[in-house]
Amino acid sequence: MIQEFYKKINGNYEVALSRMQNDERIEKYLKFFLMDESYKSLEEGMNSEDCEMAFRGAHTLKGVCQNMAFTELSEVVEQITEELRAKDIESAKLTFNKVEEKYKKVIDEINKIL
């Protein structure tokens, strides 16, 4: 079930398993991901065009996604993090649409398996 989740979100199950040792622990961290506030900070920062707030949210979310081996989401969050680091809000706005789409896909798939 967890392995299927990783396929659906284009993540890396093997990396997640090597970090967390078993599916039960992965599931525990998936629940924590649902409570993580970094996406909300990114979204609020983008909505208010506050590069600093958006950057902090994106940077934190990037780390969480990398730790969870959410490969596809991690890649697009890494892109927006660098755009926000450069204070390129216009590029970040375009990338945010991709982040939002992939983030919602991950959330939807987590909700299906929990």
PDB file of N, CA and C in Angstrom:
ATOM      1  N   MET A   1       0.822  -1.191   0.000  1.00  0.00           N
ATOM      2  CA  MET A   1       0.000   0.000   0.000  1.00  0.00           C
ATOM      3  C   MET A   1       0.873   1.265   0.000  1.00  0.00           C
ATOM      4  N   ILE A   2       1.864   1.334   0.861  1.00  0.00           N
ATOM      5  CA  ILE A   2       2.762   2.480   0.904  1.00  0.00           C
ATOM      6  C   ILE A   2       3.578   2.562  -0.389  1.00  0.00           C
ATOM      7  N   GLN A   3       4.005   1.407  -0.869  1.00  0.00           N
ATOM      8  CA  GLN A   3       4.780   1.377  -2.108  1.00  0.00           C
ATOM      9  C   GLN A   3       3.935   1.912  -3.270  1.00  0.00           C
ATOM     10  N   GLU A   4       2.679   1.554  -3.321  1.00  0.00           N
ATOM     11  CA  GLU A   4       1.777   2.059  -4.361  1.00  0.00           C
ATOM     12  C   GLU A   4       1.608   3.575  -4.255  1.00  0.00           C
ATOM     13  N   PHE A   5       1.506   4.063  -3.026  1.00  0.00           N
ATOM     14  CA  PHE A   5       1.414   5.509  -2.798  1.00  0.00           C
ATOM     15  C   PHE A   5       2.608   6.214  -3.439  1.00  0.00           C
ATOM     16  N   TYR A   6       3.808   5.702  -3.203  1.00  0.00           N
ATOM     17  CA  TYR A   6       5.008   6.328  -3.768  1.00  0.00           C
ATOM     18  C   TYR A   6       5.009   6.287  -5.293  1.00  0.00           C
ATOM     19  N   LYS A   7       4.473   5.224  -5.872  1.00  0.00           N
ATOM     20  CA  LYS A   7       4.374   5.173  -7.339  1.00  0.00           C
ATOM     21  C   LYS A   7       3.436   6.262  -7.847  1.00  0.00           C
ATOM     22  N   LYS A   8       2.310   6.428  -7.175  1.00  0.00           N
ATOM     23  CA  LYS A   8       1.304   7.395  -7.619  1.00  0.00           C
ATOM     24  C   LYS A   8       1.802   8.832  -7.546  1.00  0.00           C
ATOM     25  N   ILE A   9       2.670   9.123  -6.591  1.00  0.00           N
ATOM     26  CA  ILE A   9       3.148  10.502  -6.450  1.00  0.00           C
ATOM     27  C   ILE A   9       4.522  10.706  -7.087  1.00  0.00           C
ATOM     28  N   ASN A  10       5.011   9.693  -7.775  1.00  0.00           N
ATOM     29  CA  ASN A  10       6.347   9.740  -8.384  1.00  0.00           C
ATOM     30  C   ASN A  10       7.421  10.034  -7.346  1.00  0.00           C
ATOM     31  N   GLY A  11       7.315   9.301  -6.241  1.00  0.00           N
ATOM     32  CA  GLY A  11       8.306   9.392  -5.176  1.00  0.00           C
ATOM     33  C   GLY A  11       9.238   8.198  -5.239  1.00  0.00           C
ATOM     34  N   ASN A  12      10.095   8.074  -4.253  1.00  0.00           N
ATOM     35  CA  ASN A  12      11.073   6.990  -4.226  1.00  0.00           C
ATOM     36  C   ASN A  12      10.878   6.161  -2.963  1.00  0.00           C
ATOM     37  N   TYR A  13      10.107   5.097  -3.097  1.00  0.00           N
ATOM     38  CA  TYR A  13       9.785   4.231  -1.960  1.00  0.00           C
ATOM     39  C   TYR A  13      11.043   3.625  -1.344  1.00  0.00           C
ATOM     40  N   GLU A  14      11.977   3.200  -2.166  1.00  0.00           N
ATOM     41  CA  GLU A  14      13.184   2.546  -1.653  1.00  0.00           C
ATOM     42  C   GLU A  14      13.982   3.492  -0.753  1.00  0.00           C
ATOM     43  N   VAL A  15      14.090   4.748  -1.157  1.00  0.00           N
ATOM     44  CA  VAL A  15      14.806   5.732  -0.338  1.00  0.00           C
ATOM     45  C   VAL A  15      14.048   5.968   0.969  1.00  0.00           C
ATOM     46  N   ALA A  16      12.739   6.135   0.882  1.00  0.00           N
ATOM     47  CA  ALA A  16      11.934   6.342   2.095  1.00  0.00           C
ATOM     48  C   ALA A  16      12.072   5.154   3.038  1.00  0.00           C
ATOM     49  N   LEU A  17      12.014   3.961   2.487  1.00  0.00           N
ATOM     50  CA  LEU A  17      12.127   2.756   3.306  1.00  0.00           C
ATOM     51  C   LEU A  17      13.506   2.663   3.949  1.00  0.00           C
ATOM     52  N   SER A  18      14.543   3.006   3.219  1.00  0.00           N
ATOM     53  CA  SER A  18      15.893   2.941   3.789  1.00  0.00           C
ATOM     54  C   SER A  18      16.059   3.952   4.934  1.00  0.00           C
ATOM     55  N   ARG A  19      15.374   5.077   4.848  1.00  0.00           N
ATOM     56  CA  ARG A  19      15.463   6.091   5.908  1.00  0.00           C
ATOM     57  C   ARG A  19      14.608   5.738   7.116  1.00  0.00           C
ATOM     58  N   MET A  20      13.443   5.186   6.858  1.00  0.00           N
ATOM     59  CA  MET A  20      12.477   4.994   7.945  1.00  0.00           C
ATOM     60  C   MET A  20      12.312   3.543   8.384  1.00  0.00           C
ATOM     61  N   GLN A  21      12.951   2.627   7.708  1.00  0.00           N
ATOM     62  CA  GLN A  21      13.062   1.226   8.103  1.00  0.00           C
ATOM     63  C   GLN A  21      11.848   0.330   7.839  1.00  0.00           C
ATOM     64  N   ASN A  22      10.612   0.875   7.899  1.00  0.00           N
ATOM     65  CA  ASN A  22       9.440   0.029   7.648  1.00  0.00           C
ATOM     66  C   ASN A  22       8.231   0.886   7.275  1.00  0.00           C
ATOM     67  N   ASP A  23       7.223   0.233   6.731  1.00  0.00           N
ATOM     68  CA  ASP A  23       6.033   0.943   6.267  1.00  0.00           C
ATOM     69  C   ASP A  23       5.280   1.634   7.401  1.00  0.00           C
ATOM     70  N   GLU A  24       5.294   1.043   8.583  1.00  0.00           N
ATOM     71  CA  GLU A  24       4.589   1.637   9.718  1.00  0.00           C
ATOM     72  C   GLU A  24       5.187   2.998  10.068  1.00  0.00           C
ATOM     73  N   ARG A  25       6.500   3.085  10.033  1.00  0.00           N
ATOM     74  CA  ARG A  25       7.149   4.360  10.341  1.00  0.00           C
ATOM     75  C   ARG A  25       6.899   5.377   9.214  1.00  0.00           C
ATOM     76  N   ILE A  26       6.915   4.911   7.973  1.00  0.00           N
ATOM     77  CA  ILE A  26       6.598   5.804   6.857  1.00  0.00           C
ATOM     78  C   ILE A  26       5.190   6.361   7.054  1.00  0.00           C
ATOM     79  N   GLU A  27       4.265   5.490   7.402  1.00  0.00           N
ATOM     80  CA  GLU A  27       2.882   5.912   7.622  1.00  0.00           C
ATOM     81  C   GLU A  27       2.795   6.964   8.727  1.00  0.00           C
ATOM     82  N   LYS A  28       3.556   6.766   9.787  1.00  0.00           N
ATOM     83  CA  LYS A  28       3.600   7.730  10.895  1.00  0.00           C
ATOM     84  C   LYS A  28       4.041   9.107  10.380  1.00  0.00           C
ATOM     85  N   TYR A  29       5.072   9.127   9.542  1.00  0.00           N
ATOM     86  CA  TYR A  29       5.567  10.397   9.021  1.00  0.00           C
ATOM     87  C   TYR A  29       4.646  10.999   7.965  1.00  0.00           C
ATOM     88  N   LEU A  30       3.889  10.167   7.275  1.00  0.00           N
ATOM     89  CA  LEU A  30       2.880  10.694   6.357  1.00  0.00           C
ATOM     90  C   LEU A  30       1.827  11.472   7.139  1.00  0.00           C
ATOM     91  N   LYS A  31       1.468  10.975   8.314  1.00  0.00           N
ATOM     92  CA  LYS A  31       0.511  11.690   9.169  1.00  0.00           C
ATOM     93  C   LYS A  31       1.100  13.027   9.612  1.00  0.00           C
ATOM     94  N   PHE A  32       2.378  13.023   9.972  1.00  0.00           N
ATOM     95  CA  PHE A  32       3.038  14.279  10.345  1.00  0.00           C
ATOM     96  C   PHE A  32       3.043  15.255   9.175  1.00  0.00           C
ATOM     97  N   PHE A  33       3.237  14.744   7.963  1.00  0.00           N
ATOM     98  CA  PHE A  33       3.261  15.601   6.781  1.00  0.00           C
ATOM     99  C   PHE A  33       1.934  16.344   6.633  1.00  0.00           C
ATOM    100  N   LEU A  34       0.838  15.684   6.935  1.00  0.00           N
ATOM    101  CA  LEU A  34      -0.475  16.325   6.844  1.00  0.00           C
ATOM    102  C   LEU A  34      -0.590  17.516   7.794  1.00  0.00           C
ATOM    103  N   MET A  35       0.161  17.489   8.885  1.00  0.00           N
ATOM    104  CA  MET A  35       0.104  18.560   9.884  1.00  0.00           C
ATOM    105  C   MET A  35       1.170  19.633   9.673  1.00  0.00           C
ATOM    106  N   ASP A  36       2.084  19.393   8.751  1.00  0.00           N
ATOM    107  CA  ASP A  36       3.180  20.330   8.518  1.00  0.00           C
ATOM    108  C   ASP A  36       2.638  21.664   8.008  1.00  0.00           C
ATOM    109  N   GLU A  37       3.155  22.758   8.535  1.00  0.00           N
ATOM    110  CA  GLU A  37       2.666  24.099   8.211  1.00  0.00           C
ATOM    111  C   GLU A  37       3.478  24.809   7.123  1.00  0.00           C
ATOM    112  N   SER A  38       4.530  24.183   6.613  1.00  0.00           N
ATOM    113  CA  SER A  38       5.411  24.892   5.675  1.00  0.00           C
ATOM    114  C   SER A  38       4.708  25.245   4.362  1.00  0.00           C
ATOM    115  N   TYR A  39       3.840  24.377   3.862  1.00  0.00           N
ATOM    116  CA  TYR A  39       3.117  24.712   2.631  1.00  0.00           C
ATOM    117  C   TYR A  39       2.226  25.932   2.860  1.00  0.00           C
ATOM    118  N   LYS A  40       1.585  25.971   4.008  1.00  0.00           N
ATOM    119  CA  LYS A  40       0.712  27.105   4.327  1.00  0.00           C
ATOM    120  C   LYS A  40       1.512  28.414   4.346  1.00  0.00           C
ATOM    121  N   SER A  41       2.719  28.378   4.903  1.00  0.00           N
ATOM    122  CA  SER A  41       3.582  29.572   4.910  1.00  0.00           C
ATOM    123  C   SER A  41       3.964  29.977   3.494  1.00  0.00           C
ATOM    124  N   LEU A  42       4.305  28.989   2.678  1.00  0.00           N
ATOM    125  CA  LEU A  42       4.628  29.264   1.278  1.00  0.00           C
ATOM    126  C   LEU A  42       3.434  29.902   0.585  1.00  0.00           C
ATOM    127  N   GLU A  43       2.271  29.321   0.762  1.00  0.00           N
ATOM    128  CA  GLU A  43       1.057  29.824   0.114  1.00  0.00           C
ATOM    129  C   GLU A  43       0.721  31.246   0.575  1.00  0.00           C
ATOM    130  N   GLU A  44       0.785  31.479   1.880  1.00  0.00           N
ATOM    131  CA  GLU A  44       0.495  32.818   2.403  1.00  0.00           C
ATOM    132  C   GLU A  44       1.504  33.837   1.880  1.00  0.00           C
ATOM    133  N   GLY A  45       2.770  33.441   1.851  1.00  0.00           N
ATOM    134  CA  GLY A  45       3.800  34.331   1.322  1.00  0.00           C
ATOM    135  C   GLY A  45       3.577  34.653  -0.141  1.00  0.00           C
ATOM    136  N   MET A  46       3.190  33.659  -0.905  1.00  0.00           N
ATOM    137  CA  MET A  46       2.927  33.890  -2.329  1.00  0.00           C
ATOM    138  C   MET A  46       1.708  34.794  -2.500  1.00  0.00           C
ATOM    139  N   ASN A  47       0.667  34.549  -1.735  1.00  0.00           N
ATOM    140  CA  ASN A  47      -0.556  35.358  -1.858  1.00  0.00           C
ATOM    141  C   ASN A  47      -0.322  36.819  -1.500  1.00  0.00           C
ATOM    142  N   SER A  48       0.580  37.067  -0.555  1.00  0.00           N
ATOM    143  CA  SER A  48       0.857  38.443  -0.137  1.00  0.00           C
ATOM    144  C   SER A  48       2.112  39.012  -0.804  1.00  0.00           C
ATOM    145  N   GLU A  49       2.696  38.217  -1.710  1.00  0.00           N
ATOM    146  CA  GLU A  49       3.940  38.586  -2.399  1.00  0.00           C
ATOM    147  C   GLU A  49       5.058  38.931  -1.410  1.00  0.00           C
ATOM    148  N   ASP A  50       5.094  38.184  -0.316  1.00  0.00           N
ATOM    149  CA  ASP A  50       6.130  38.326   0.703  1.00  0.00           C
ATOM    150  C   ASP A  50       7.185  37.250   0.425  1.00  0.00           C
ATOM    151  N   CYS A  51       8.226  37.639  -0.304  1.00  0.00           N
ATOM    152  CA  CYS A  51       9.264  36.681  -0.717  1.00  0.00           C
ATOM    153  C   CYS A  51       9.913  35.992   0.477  1.00  0.00           C
ATOM    154  N   GLU A  52      10.131  36.735   1.549  1.00  0.00           N
ATOM    155  CA  GLU A  52      10.812  36.169   2.718  1.00  0.00           C
ATOM    156  C   GLU A  52       9.970  35.063   3.366  1.00  0.00           C
ATOM    157  N   MET A  53       8.695  35.325   3.596  1.00  0.00           N
ATOM    158  CA  MET A  53       7.808  34.319   4.180  1.00  0.00           C
ATOM    159  C   MET A  53       7.676  33.115   3.246  1.00  0.00           C
ATOM    160  N   ALA A  54       7.478  33.395   1.975  1.00  0.00           N
ATOM    161  CA  ALA A  54       7.333  32.322   0.995  1.00  0.00           C
ATOM    162  C   ALA A  54       8.609  31.486   0.924  1.00  0.00           C
ATOM    163  N   PHE A  55       9.764  32.150   0.951  1.00  0.00           N
ATOM    164  CA  PHE A  55      11.037  31.434   0.912  1.00  0.00           C
ATOM    165  C   PHE A  55      11.184  30.515   2.117  1.00  0.00           C
ATOM    166  N   ARG A  56      10.898  31.014   3.308  1.00  0.00           N
ATOM    167  CA  ARG A  56      11.017  30.172   4.515  1.00  0.00           C
ATOM    168  C   ARG A  56      10.114  28.940   4.411  1.00  0.00           C
ATOM    169  N   GLY A  57       8.879  29.152   3.958  1.00  0.00           N
ATOM    170  CA  GLY A  57       7.961  28.031   3.793  1.00  0.00           C
ATOM    171  C   GLY A  57       8.463  27.042   2.758  1.00  0.00           C
ATOM    172  N   ALA A  58       8.925  27.561   1.619  1.00  0.00           N
ATOM    173  CA  ALA A  58       9.415  26.699   0.536  1.00  0.00           C
ATOM    174  C   ALA A  58      10.656  25.928   0.976  1.00  0.00           C
ATOM    175  N   HIS A  59      11.564  26.597   1.653  1.00  0.00           N
ATOM    176  CA  HIS A  59      12.811  25.959   2.083  1.00  0.00           C
ATOM    177  C   HIS A  59      12.529  24.832   3.064  1.00  0.00           C
ATOM    178  N   THR A  60      11.633  25.070   3.999  1.00  0.00           N
ATOM    179  CA  THR A  60      11.264  24.031   4.964  1.00  0.00           C
ATOM    180  C   THR A  60      10.554  22.880   4.259  1.00  0.00           C
ATOM    181  N   LEU A  61       9.619  23.209   3.377  1.00  0.00           N
ATOM    182  CA  LEU A  61       8.882  22.175   2.642  1.00  0.00           C
ATOM    183  C   LEU A  61       9.829  21.338   1.794  1.00  0.00           C
ATOM    184  N   LYS A  62      10.816  21.979   1.193  1.00  0.00           N
ATOM    185  CA  LYS A  62      11.804  21.262   0.380  1.00  0.00           C
ATOM    186  C   LYS A  62      12.501  20.191   1.224  1.00  0.00           C
ATOM    187  N   GLY A  63      12.933  20.561   2.407  1.00  0.00           N
ATOM    188  CA  GLY A  63      13.609  19.605   3.280  1.00  0.00           C
ATOM    189  C   GLY A  63      12.707  18.453   3.683  1.00  0.00           C
ATOM    190  N   VAL A  64      11.477  18.760   4.011  1.00  0.00           N
ATOM    191  CA  VAL A  64      10.520  17.718   4.394  1.00  0.00           C
ATOM    192  C   VAL A  64      10.289  16.764   3.224  1.00  0.00           C
ATOM    193  N   CYS A  65      10.094  17.317   2.033  1.00  0.00           N
ATOM    194  CA  CYS A  65       9.851  16.486   0.846  1.00  0.00           C
ATOM    195  C   CYS A  65      11.063  15.617   0.514  1.00  0.00           C
ATOM    196  N   GLN A  66      12.250  16.174   0.663  1.00  0.00           N
ATOM    197  CA  GLN A  66      13.454  15.383   0.410  1.00  0.00           C
ATOM    198  C   GLN A  66      13.580  14.261   1.423  1.00  0.00           C
ATOM    199  N   ASN A  67      13.321  14.552   2.683  1.00  0.00           N
ATOM    200  CA  ASN A  67      13.394  13.512   3.717  1.00  0.00           C
ATOM    201  C   ASN A  67      12.374  12.407   3.500  1.00  0.00           C
ATOM    202  N   MET A  68      11.203  12.782   2.988  1.00  0.00           N
ATOM    203  CA  MET A  68      10.140  11.799   2.756  1.00  0.00           C
ATOM    204  C   MET A  68      10.284  11.108   1.394  1.00  0.00           C
ATOM    205  N   ALA A  69      11.247  11.541   0.596  1.00  0.00           N
ATOM    206  CA  ALA A  69      11.496  10.992  -0.743  1.00  0.00           C
ATOM    207  C   ALA A  69      10.303  11.214  -1.679  1.00  0.00           C
ATOM    208  N   PHE A  70       9.683  12.392  -1.559  1.00  0.00           N
ATOM    209  CA  PHE A  70       8.621  12.809  -2.472  1.00  0.00           C
ATOM    210  C   PHE A  70       9.308  13.476  -3.667  1.00  0.00           C
ATOM    211  N   THR A  71       9.911  12.700  -4.510  1.00  0.00           N
ATOM    212  CA  THR A  71      10.816  13.171  -5.552  1.00  0.00           C
ATOM    213  C   THR A  71      10.215  14.259  -6.434  1.00  0.00           C
ATOM    214  N   GLU A  72       9.080  13.989  -7.023  1.00  0.00           N
ATOM    215  CA  GLU A  72       8.485  14.943  -7.963  1.00  0.00           C
ATOM    216  C   GLU A  72       8.138  16.270  -7.280  1.00  0.00           C
ATOM    217  N   LEU A  73       7.511  16.201  -6.124  1.00  0.00           N
ATOM    218  CA  LEU A  73       7.165  17.414  -5.384  1.00  0.00           C
ATOM    219  C   LEU A  73       8.432  18.130  -4.933  1.00  0.00           C
ATOM    220  N   SER A  74       9.394  17.395  -4.471  1.00  0.00           N
ATOM    221  CA  SER A  74      10.657  17.966  -4.004  1.00  0.00           C
ATOM    222  C   SER A  74      11.343  18.777  -5.095  1.00  0.00           C
ATOM    223  N   GLU A  75      11.339  18.267  -6.307  1.00  0.00           N
ATOM    224  CA  GLU A  75      12.017  18.951  -7.412  1.00  0.00           C
ATOM    225  C   GLU A  75      11.395  20.312  -7.710  1.00  0.00           C
ATOM    226  N   VAL A  76      10.082  20.375  -7.733  1.00  0.00           N
ATOM    227  CA  VAL A  76       9.422  21.648  -8.050  1.00  0.00           C
ATOM    228  C   VAL A  76       9.520  22.613  -6.860  1.00  0.00           C
ATOM    229  N   VAL A  77       9.525  22.078  -5.641  1.00  0.00           N
ATOM    230  CA  VAL A  77       9.697  22.938  -4.471  1.00  0.00           C
ATOM    231  C   VAL A  77      11.127  23.485  -4.431  1.00  0.00           C
ATOM    232  N   GLU A  78      12.074  22.686  -4.846  1.00  0.00           N
ATOM    233  CA  GLU A  78      13.454  23.166  -4.925  1.00  0.00           C
ATOM    234  C   GLU A  78      13.554  24.330  -5.924  1.00  0.00           C
ATOM    235  N   GLN A  79      12.857  24.211  -7.040  1.00  0.00           N
ATOM    236  CA  GLN A  79      12.860  25.276  -8.050  1.00  0.00           C
ATOM    237  C   GLN A  79      12.299  26.575  -7.478  1.00  0.00           C
ATOM    238  N   ILE A  80      11.148  26.496  -6.811  1.00  0.00           N
ATOM    239  CA  ILE A  80      10.546  27.727  -6.283  1.00  0.00           C
ATOM    240  C   ILE A  80      11.392  28.298  -5.150  1.00  0.00           C
ATOM    241  N   THR A  81      12.050  27.436  -4.390  1.00  0.00           N
ATOM    242  CA  THR A  81      12.930  27.915  -3.322  1.00  0.00           C
ATOM    243  C   THR A  81      14.030  28.800  -3.899  1.00  0.00           C
ATOM    244  N   GLU A  82      14.623  28.360  -4.989  1.00  0.00           N
ATOM    245  CA  GLU A  82      15.701  29.139  -5.606  1.00  0.00           C
ATOM    246  C   GLU A  82      15.177  30.433  -6.236  1.00  0.00           C
ATOM    247  N   GLU A  83      13.991  30.383  -6.802  1.00  0.00           N
ATOM    248  CA  GLU A  83      13.396  31.604  -7.368  1.00  0.00           C
ATOM    249  C   GLU A  83      13.121  32.624  -6.268  1.00  0.00           C
ATOM    250  N   LEU A  84      12.624  32.130  -5.136  1.00  0.00           N
ATOM    251  CA  LEU A  84      12.341  33.034  -4.022  1.00  0.00           C
ATOM    252  C   LEU A  84      13.622  33.534  -3.361  1.00  0.00           C
ATOM    253  N   ARG A  85      14.632  32.690  -3.322  1.00  0.00           N
ATOM    254  CA  ARG A  85      15.936  33.121  -2.789  1.00  0.00           C
ATOM    255  C   ARG A  85      16.450  34.315  -3.610  1.00  0.00           C
ATOM    256  N   ALA A  86      16.216  34.262  -4.919  1.00  0.00           N
ATOM    257  CA  ALA A  86      16.633  35.344  -5.825  1.00  0.00           C
ATOM    258  C   ALA A  86      15.620  36.492  -5.857  1.00  0.00           C
ATOM    259  N   LYS A  87      14.552  36.350  -5.067  1.00  0.00           N
ATOM    260  CA  LYS A  87      13.469  37.349  -5.004  1.00  0.00           C
ATOM    261  C   LYS A  87      12.800  37.564  -6.364  1.00  0.00           C
ATOM    262  N   ASP A  88      12.723  36.502  -7.142  1.00  0.00           N
ATOM    263  CA  ASP A  88      12.077  36.532  -8.454  1.00  0.00           C
ATOM    264  C   ASP A  88      10.625  36.076  -8.296  1.00  0.00           C
ATOM    265  N   ILE A  89       9.799  36.978  -7.792  1.00  0.00           N
ATOM    266  CA  ILE A  89       8.415  36.638  -7.473  1.00  0.00           C
ATOM    267  C   ILE A  89       7.610  36.260  -8.712  1.00  0.00           C
ATOM    268  N   GLU A  90       7.910  36.853  -9.854  1.00  0.00           N
ATOM    269  CA  GLU A  90       7.148  36.540 -11.065  1.00  0.00           C
ATOM    270  C   GLU A  90       7.375  35.087 -11.504  1.00  0.00           C
ATOM    271  N   SER A  91       8.615  34.645 -11.503  1.00  0.00           N
ATOM    272  CA  SER A  91       8.894  33.237 -11.827  1.00  0.00           C
ATOM    273  C   SER A  91       8.299  32.320 -10.766  1.00  0.00           C
ATOM    274  N   ALA A  92       8.407  32.742  -9.507  1.00  0.00           N
ATOM    275  CA  ALA A  92       7.878  31.927  -8.411  1.00  0.00           C
ATOM    276  C   ALA A  92       6.362  31.750  -8.527  1.00  0.00           C
ATOM    277  N   LYS A  93       5.681  32.786  -8.992  1.00  0.00           N
ATOM    278  CA  LYS A  93       4.225  32.669  -9.177  1.00  0.00           C
ATOM    279  C   LYS A  93       3.893  31.566 -10.178  1.00  0.00           C
ATOM    280  N   LEU A  94       4.640  31.509 -11.253  1.00  0.00           N
ATOM    281  CA  LEU A  94       4.408  30.467 -12.264  1.00  0.00           C
ATOM    282  C   LEU A  94       4.711  29.087 -11.692  1.00  0.00           C
ATOM    283  N   THR A  95       5.812  28.985 -10.972  1.00  0.00           N
ATOM    284  CA  THR A  95       6.202  27.702 -10.393  1.00  0.00           C
ATOM    285  C   THR A  95       5.243  27.285  -9.290  1.00  0.00           C
ATOM    286  N   PHE A  96       4.699  28.252  -8.573  1.00  0.00           N
ATOM    287  CA  PHE A  96       3.785  27.918  -7.475  1.00  0.00           C
ATOM    288  C   PHE A  96       2.587  27.115  -7.963  1.00  0.00           C
ATOM    289  N   ASN A  97       2.120  27.394  -9.164  1.00  0.00           N
ATOM    290  CA  ASN A  97       1.005  26.609  -9.714  1.00  0.00           C
ATOM    291  C   ASN A  97       1.365  25.129  -9.788  1.00  0.00           C
ATOM    292  N   LYS A  98       2.593  24.817 -10.169  1.00  0.00           N
ATOM    293  CA  LYS A  98       3.055  23.430 -10.233  1.00  0.00           C
ATOM    294  C   LYS A  98       3.194  22.845  -8.832  1.00  0.00           C
ATOM    295  N   VAL A  99       3.733  23.653  -7.916  1.00  0.00           N
ATOM    296  CA  VAL A  99       3.882  23.199  -6.524  1.00  0.00           C
ATOM    297  C   VAL A  99       2.518  22.847  -5.959  1.00  0.00           C
ATOM    298  N   GLU A 100       1.566  23.740  -6.156  1.00  0.00           N
ATOM    299  CA  GLU A 100       0.217  23.540  -5.625  1.00  0.00           C
ATOM    300  C   GLU A 100      -0.400  22.248  -6.172  1.00  0.00           C
ATOM    301  N   GLU A 101      -0.264  22.026  -7.454  1.00  0.00           N
ATOM    302  CA  GLU A 101      -0.819  20.833  -8.098  1.00  0.00           C
ATOM    303  C   GLU A 101      -0.194  19.552  -7.525  1.00  0.00           C
ATOM    304  N   LYS A 102       1.115  19.531  -7.431  1.00  0.00           N
ATOM    305  CA  LYS A 102       1.803  18.330  -6.952  1.00  0.00           C
ATOM    306  C   LYS A 102       1.604  18.126  -5.447  1.00  0.00           C
ATOM    307  N   TYR A 103       1.561  19.211  -4.693  1.00  0.00           N
ATOM    308  CA  TYR A 103       1.318  19.126  -3.255  1.00  0.00           C
ATOM    309  C   TYR A 103      -0.068  18.538  -2.994  1.00  0.00           C
ATOM    310  N   LYS A 104      -1.058  19.042  -3.708  1.00  0.00           N
ATOM    311  CA  LYS A 104      -2.431  18.548  -3.509  1.00  0.00           C
ATOM    312  C   LYS A 104      -2.545  17.070  -3.898  1.00  0.00           C
ATOM    313  N   LYS A 105      -1.817  16.664  -4.909  1.00  0.00           N
ATOM    314  CA  LYS A 105      -1.807  15.254  -5.307  1.00  0.00           C
ATOM    315  C   LYS A 105      -1.254  14.397  -4.164  1.00  0.00           C
ATOM    316  N   VAL A 106      -0.161  14.831  -3.573  1.00  0.00           N
ATOM    317  CA  VAL A 106       0.438  14.090  -2.446  1.00  0.00           C
ATOM    318  C   VAL A 106      -0.554  14.023  -1.287  1.00  0.00           C
ATOM    319  N   ILE A 107      -1.149  15.154  -0.931  1.00  0.00           N
ATOM    320  CA  ILE A 107      -2.121  15.188   0.168  1.00  0.00           C
ATOM    321  C   ILE A 107      -3.304  14.260  -0.119  1.00  0.00           C
ATOM    322  N   ASP A 108      -3.832  14.318  -1.318  1.00  0.00           N
ATOM    323  CA  ASP A 108      -4.954  13.449  -1.696  1.00  0.00           C
ATOM    324  C   ASP A 108      -4.586  11.971  -1.565  1.00  0.00           C
ATOM    325  N   GLU A 109      -3.400  11.625  -2.040  1.00  0.00           N
ATOM    326  CA  GLU A 109      -2.986  10.219  -1.975  1.00  0.00           C
ATOM    327  C   GLU A 109      -2.704   9.775  -0.548  1.00  0.00           C
ATOM    328  N   ILE A 110      -2.174  10.664   0.283  1.00  0.00           N
ATOM    329  CA  ILE A 110      -1.974  10.316   1.702  1.00  0.00           C
ATOM    330  C   ILE A 110      -3.335  10.053   2.338  1.00  0.00           C
ATOM    331  N   ASN A 111      -4.283  10.932   2.085  1.00  0.00           N
ATOM    332  CA  ASN A 111      -5.625  10.765   2.672  1.00  0.00           C
ATOM    333  C   ASN A 111      -6.302   9.468   2.232  1.00  0.00           C
ATOM    334  N   LYS A 112      -5.989   9.010   1.033  1.00  0.00           N
ATOM    335  CA  LYS A 112      -6.580   7.762   0.549  1.00  0.00           C
ATOM    336  C   LYS A 112      -6.052   6.547   1.302  1.00  0.00           C
ATOM    337  N   ILE A 113      -4.794   6.599   1.733  1.00  0.00           N
ATOM    338  CA  ILE A 113      -4.226   5.401   2.364  1.00  0.00           C
ATOM    339  C   ILE A 113      -4.294   5.416   3.895  1.00  0.00           C
ATOM    340  N   LEU A 114      -4.569   6.570   4.474  1.00  0.00           N
ATOM    341  CA  LEU A 114      -4.604   6.636   5.949  1.00  0.00           C
ATOM    342  C   LEU A 114      -5.991   6.438   6.517  1.00  0.00           C
TER     343      LEU A 114
END
